């Protein structure tokens, strides 16, 4: 015994991202095969989406360790994503509950349906603010690379699926799933960053 306390090894961000991908992929597969319907898939999706928060926190810990101190930009980003994710989950649950147990008017259904979409838009805004506020040029570049990977992946998948759907080869997919695909693309961007630059990035 040398008397030196060992720092416990904390879980890395990719563990949480991997778990989230596996869970979301399972839900998508179940929805695509008709095992569960769209509304049920959205409800089940709540659980893996919570993994976004520990993944971001783990990435922030690594970023702070590499720069030797706390990063206020990353803290604000984490709070924003946590806020919008919580808002998404709450509004999705509210919309599902009201639609299932009541017969809401067209105006109320429209209002409730818009709220989860605005929450997802808020997450996009949070990522944009992260890029704008980031003072570390290297981390900013990694974040932009991740966003470009996500955008290219989501738009390519939507385009291919759209033409397959038009040819009546695959089933119809609701538009909100392409936002989910975009978030999956962030993981691909993180992997690309890791391979080329040796680090995952901030998102």
Protein backbone atom coordinates (compact mmCIF):
# COMPACT_ATOMS: atom_id res chain seq x y z
CA UNK A 1 0.00 0.00 0.00
CA UNK A 2 1.48 3.34 -0.99
CA UNK A 3 -1.31 5.38 0.62
CA UNK A 4 -2.34 6.98 -2.67
CA UNK A 5 -6.07 7.02 -3.21
CA UNK A 6 -7.13 5.65 -6.53
CA UNK A 7 -9.57 7.78 -8.53
CA UNK A 8 -12.54 5.62 -9.51
CA UNK A 9 -12.85 5.07 -13.23
CA UNK A 10 -16.05 6.72 -14.42
CA UNK A 11 -18.10 5.48 -17.30
CA UNK A 12 -17.32 7.11 -20.62
CA UNK A 13 -19.89 8.87 -22.82
CA UNK A 14 -19.91 6.18 -25.50
CA UNK A 15 -21.24 3.61 -23.04
CA UNK A 16 -24.39 5.69 -22.59
CA UNK A 17 -24.54 6.53 -26.30
CA UNK A 18 -24.21 2.84 -27.17
CA UNK A 19 -26.99 1.89 -24.77
CA UNK A 20 -29.18 4.66 -26.18
CA UNK A 21 -28.53 3.54 -29.77
CA UNK A 22 -29.33 -0.06 -28.91
CA UNK A 23 -32.58 0.89 -27.16
CA UNK A 24 -33.71 3.32 -29.88
CA UNK A 25 -32.79 0.82 -32.59
CA UNK A 26 -34.89 -1.82 -30.87
CA UNK A 27 -37.88 0.54 -30.64
CA UNK A 28 -37.52 1.52 -34.31
CA UNK A 29 -37.32 -2.14 -35.33
CA UNK A 30 -40.44 -2.97 -33.32
CA UNK A 31 -42.30 -0.03 -34.86
CA UNK A 32 -41.13 -0.89 -38.40
CA UNK A 33 -42.29 -4.49 -38.09
CA UNK A 34 -45.65 -3.48 -36.68
CA UNK A 35 -45.03 -5.08 -33.28
CA UNK A 36 -45.88 -1.74 -31.68
CA UNK A 37 -47.67 1.29 -33.12
CA UNK A 38 -46.29 4.82 -33.48
CA UNK A 39 -47.74 6.32 -30.26
CA UNK A 40 -46.53 3.34 -28.22
CA UNK A 41 -43.08 3.66 -29.77
CA UNK A 42 -42.94 7.32 -28.75
CA UNK A 43 -43.81 6.43 -25.17
CA UNK A 44 -41.23 3.63 -25.02
CA UNK A 45 -38.66 6.04 -26.48
CA UNK A 46 -38.81 8.08 -23.27
CA UNK A 47 -36.52 5.70 -21.37
CA UNK A 48 -33.51 5.71 -23.73
CA UNK A 49 -33.75 9.47 -24.28
CA UNK A 50 -32.87 9.99 -20.62
CA UNK A 51 -29.44 8.48 -21.44
CA UNK A 52 -28.63 11.71 -23.30
CA UNK A 53 -28.04 13.46 -19.96
CA UNK A 54 -25.41 11.09 -18.47
CA UNK A 55 -23.74 10.86 -21.88
CA UNK A 56 -23.35 14.64 -22.07
CA UNK A 57 -22.15 14.80 -18.47
CA UNK A 58 -19.55 12.12 -19.12
CA UNK A 59 -18.34 13.96 -22.23
CA UNK A 60 -18.14 17.19 -20.24
CA UNK A 61 -16.07 15.51 -17.52
CA UNK A 62 -13.58 14.36 -20.12
CA UNK A 63 -13.45 17.78 -21.73
CA UNK A 64 -12.90 19.43 -18.36
CA UNK A 65 -10.18 16.94 -17.47
CA UNK A 66 -8.38 17.63 -20.73
CA UNK A 67 -8.47 21.40 -20.25
CA UNK A 68 -7.73 21.22 -16.52
CA UNK A 69 -10.82 22.96 -15.18
CA UNK A 70 -14.55 23.44 -15.24
CA UNK A 71 -16.11 24.55 -18.48
CA UNK A 72 -19.05 26.92 -18.03
CA UNK A 73 -20.04 26.54 -21.70
CA UNK A 74 -20.50 22.79 -21.26
CA UNK A 75 -22.44 23.33 -18.04
CA UNK A 76 -24.89 25.65 -19.75
CA UNK A 77 -25.25 23.21 -22.63
CA UNK A 78 -26.00 20.34 -20.26
CA UNK A 79 -28.63 22.38 -18.42
CA UNK A 80 -30.30 23.42 -21.67
CA UNK A 81 -30.44 19.89 -23.04
CA UNK A 82 -31.72 18.56 -19.71
CA UNK A 83 -34.41 21.25 -19.65
CA UNK A 84 -35.63 20.62 -23.20
CA UNK A 85 -35.44 16.84 -22.79
CA UNK A 86 -37.55 17.05 -19.64
CA UNK A 87 -40.00 19.35 -21.43
CA UNK A 88 -40.21 16.88 -24.32
CA UNK A 89 -40.92 13.94 -22.04
CA UNK A 90 -43.53 15.90 -20.04
CA UNK A 91 -45.38 17.23 -23.10
CA UNK A 92 -45.27 13.86 -24.85
CA UNK A 93 -46.77 12.18 -21.80
CA UNK A 94 -49.41 14.91 -21.54
CA UNK A 95 -50.33 14.63 -25.22
CA UNK A 96 -50.60 10.84 -25.00
CA UNK A 97 -52.68 10.97 -21.80
CA UNK A 98 -55.13 13.58 -23.09
CA UNK A 99 -55.55 11.91 -26.48
CA UNK A 100 -56.12 8.50 -24.90
CA UNK A 101 -58.50 9.35 -22.07
CA UNK A 102 -60.37 12.34 -23.51
CA UNK A 103 -61.74 13.61 -26.79
CA UNK A 104 -59.89 16.92 -27.15
CA UNK A 105 -60.86 19.58 -29.63
CA UNK A 106 -58.88 20.22 -32.79
CA UNK A 107 -57.33 23.34 -31.25
CA UNK A 108 -56.18 21.51 -28.12
CA UNK A 109 -54.83 18.56 -30.12
CA UNK A 110 -52.90 20.96 -32.34
CA UNK A 111 -51.44 22.79 -29.34
CA UNK A 112 -50.43 19.57 -27.57
CA UNK A 113 -48.91 18.12 -30.75
CA UNK A 114 -46.74 21.20 -31.31
CA UNK A 115 -45.16 21.17 -27.83
CA UNK A 116 -42.94 18.05 -28.19
CA UNK A 117 -41.74 19.33 -31.55
CA UNK A 118 -40.77 22.65 -29.98
CA UNK A 119 -38.84 20.75 -27.31
CA UNK A 120 -36.80 18.95 -29.99
CA UNK A 121 -36.24 22.30 -31.71
CA UNK A 122 -34.93 23.53 -28.35
CA UNK A 123 -32.31 20.79 -28.31
CA UNK A 124 -31.18 21.85 -31.78
CA UNK A 125 -30.96 25.42 -30.48
CA UNK A 126 -28.88 24.25 -27.51
CA UNK A 127 -26.40 22.57 -29.84
CA UNK A 128 -26.24 25.74 -31.94
CA UNK A 129 -25.57 27.82 -28.83
CA UNK A 130 -22.84 25.37 -27.82
CA UNK A 131 -21.10 25.98 -31.14
CA UNK A 132 -21.47 29.77 -30.86
CA UNK A 133 -20.35 30.00 -27.23
CA UNK A 134 -17.52 27.47 -27.41
CA UNK A 135 -14.19 29.28 -27.00
CA UNK A 136 -12.01 26.22 -27.65
CA UNK A 137 -11.61 26.18 -31.43
CA UNK A 138 -10.70 22.48 -31.52
CA UNK A 139 -13.79 21.44 -29.54
CA UNK A 140 -15.92 23.76 -31.70
CA UNK A 141 -14.60 22.09 -34.83
CA UNK A 142 -15.38 18.64 -33.42
CA UNK A 143 -18.92 19.74 -32.56
CA UNK A 144 -19.48 21.14 -36.05
CA UNK A 145 -18.15 17.90 -37.56
CA UNK A 146 -20.60 15.91 -35.46
CA UNK A 147 -23.48 18.13 -36.56
CA UNK A 148 -22.51 17.78 -40.22
CA UNK A 149 -22.29 14.01 -39.88
CA UNK A 150 -25.72 13.97 -38.24
CA UNK A 151 -27.25 16.21 -40.89
CA UNK A 152 -25.81 14.24 -43.79
CA UNK A 153 -26.84 10.94 -42.24
CA UNK A 154 -30.42 12.03 -41.45
CA UNK A 155 -31.08 13.75 -44.79
CA UNK A 156 -29.59 10.83 -46.75
CA UNK A 157 -31.67 8.31 -44.81
CA UNK A 158 -34.82 10.42 -45.26
CA UNK A 159 -34.19 10.77 -49.01
CA UNK A 160 -33.56 7.07 -49.60
CA UNK A 161 -36.50 6.02 -47.45
CA UNK A 162 -38.76 8.56 -49.14
CA UNK A 163 -38.07 7.17 -52.59
CA UNK A 164 -38.49 3.60 -51.35
CA UNK A 165 -41.78 4.61 -49.76
CA UNK A 166 -42.91 6.32 -52.96
CA UNK A 167 -42.20 3.07 -54.80
CA UNK A 168 -44.31 1.24 -52.19
CA UNK A 169 -41.38 -0.90 -51.08
CA UNK A 170 -41.25 0.18 -47.43
CA UNK A 171 -43.84 1.39 -44.93
CA UNK A 172 -44.58 5.04 -44.18
CA UNK A 173 -42.43 6.61 -41.44
CA UNK A 174 -43.68 9.65 -39.54
CA UNK A 175 -41.52 12.73 -40.03
CA UNK A 176 -40.52 13.08 -36.38
CA UNK A 177 -38.42 9.92 -36.67
CA UNK A 178 -35.88 11.78 -38.81
CA UNK A 179 -34.98 13.93 -35.81
CA UNK A 180 -34.23 10.68 -33.98
CA UNK A 181 -32.06 9.59 -36.90
CA UNK A 182 -30.24 12.95 -36.69
CA UNK A 183 -29.38 12.32 -33.05
CA UNK A 184 -28.12 8.87 -34.01
CA UNK A 185 -25.94 10.63 -36.58
CA UNK A 186 -24.32 12.62 -33.77
CA UNK A 187 -23.01 9.30 -32.49
CA UNK A 188 -21.55 8.51 -35.90
CA UNK A 189 -19.91 11.92 -35.89
CA UNK A 190 -18.44 11.23 -32.46
CA UNK A 191 -16.99 7.95 -33.71
CA UNK A 192 -15.54 9.73 -36.77
CA UNK A 193 -13.97 12.34 -34.45
CA UNK A 194 -12.50 9.60 -32.30
CA UNK A 195 -10.99 7.79 -35.27
CA UNK A 196 -9.50 10.89 -36.90
CA UNK A 197 -8.63 13.08 -33.91
CA UNK A 198 -8.53 10.71 -30.93
CA UNK A 199 -11.41 12.37 -29.05
CA UNK A 200 -15.20 12.13 -29.23
CA UNK A 201 -16.21 15.78 -29.18
CA UNK A 202 -18.61 17.71 -26.94
CA UNK A 203 -22.07 16.58 -28.09
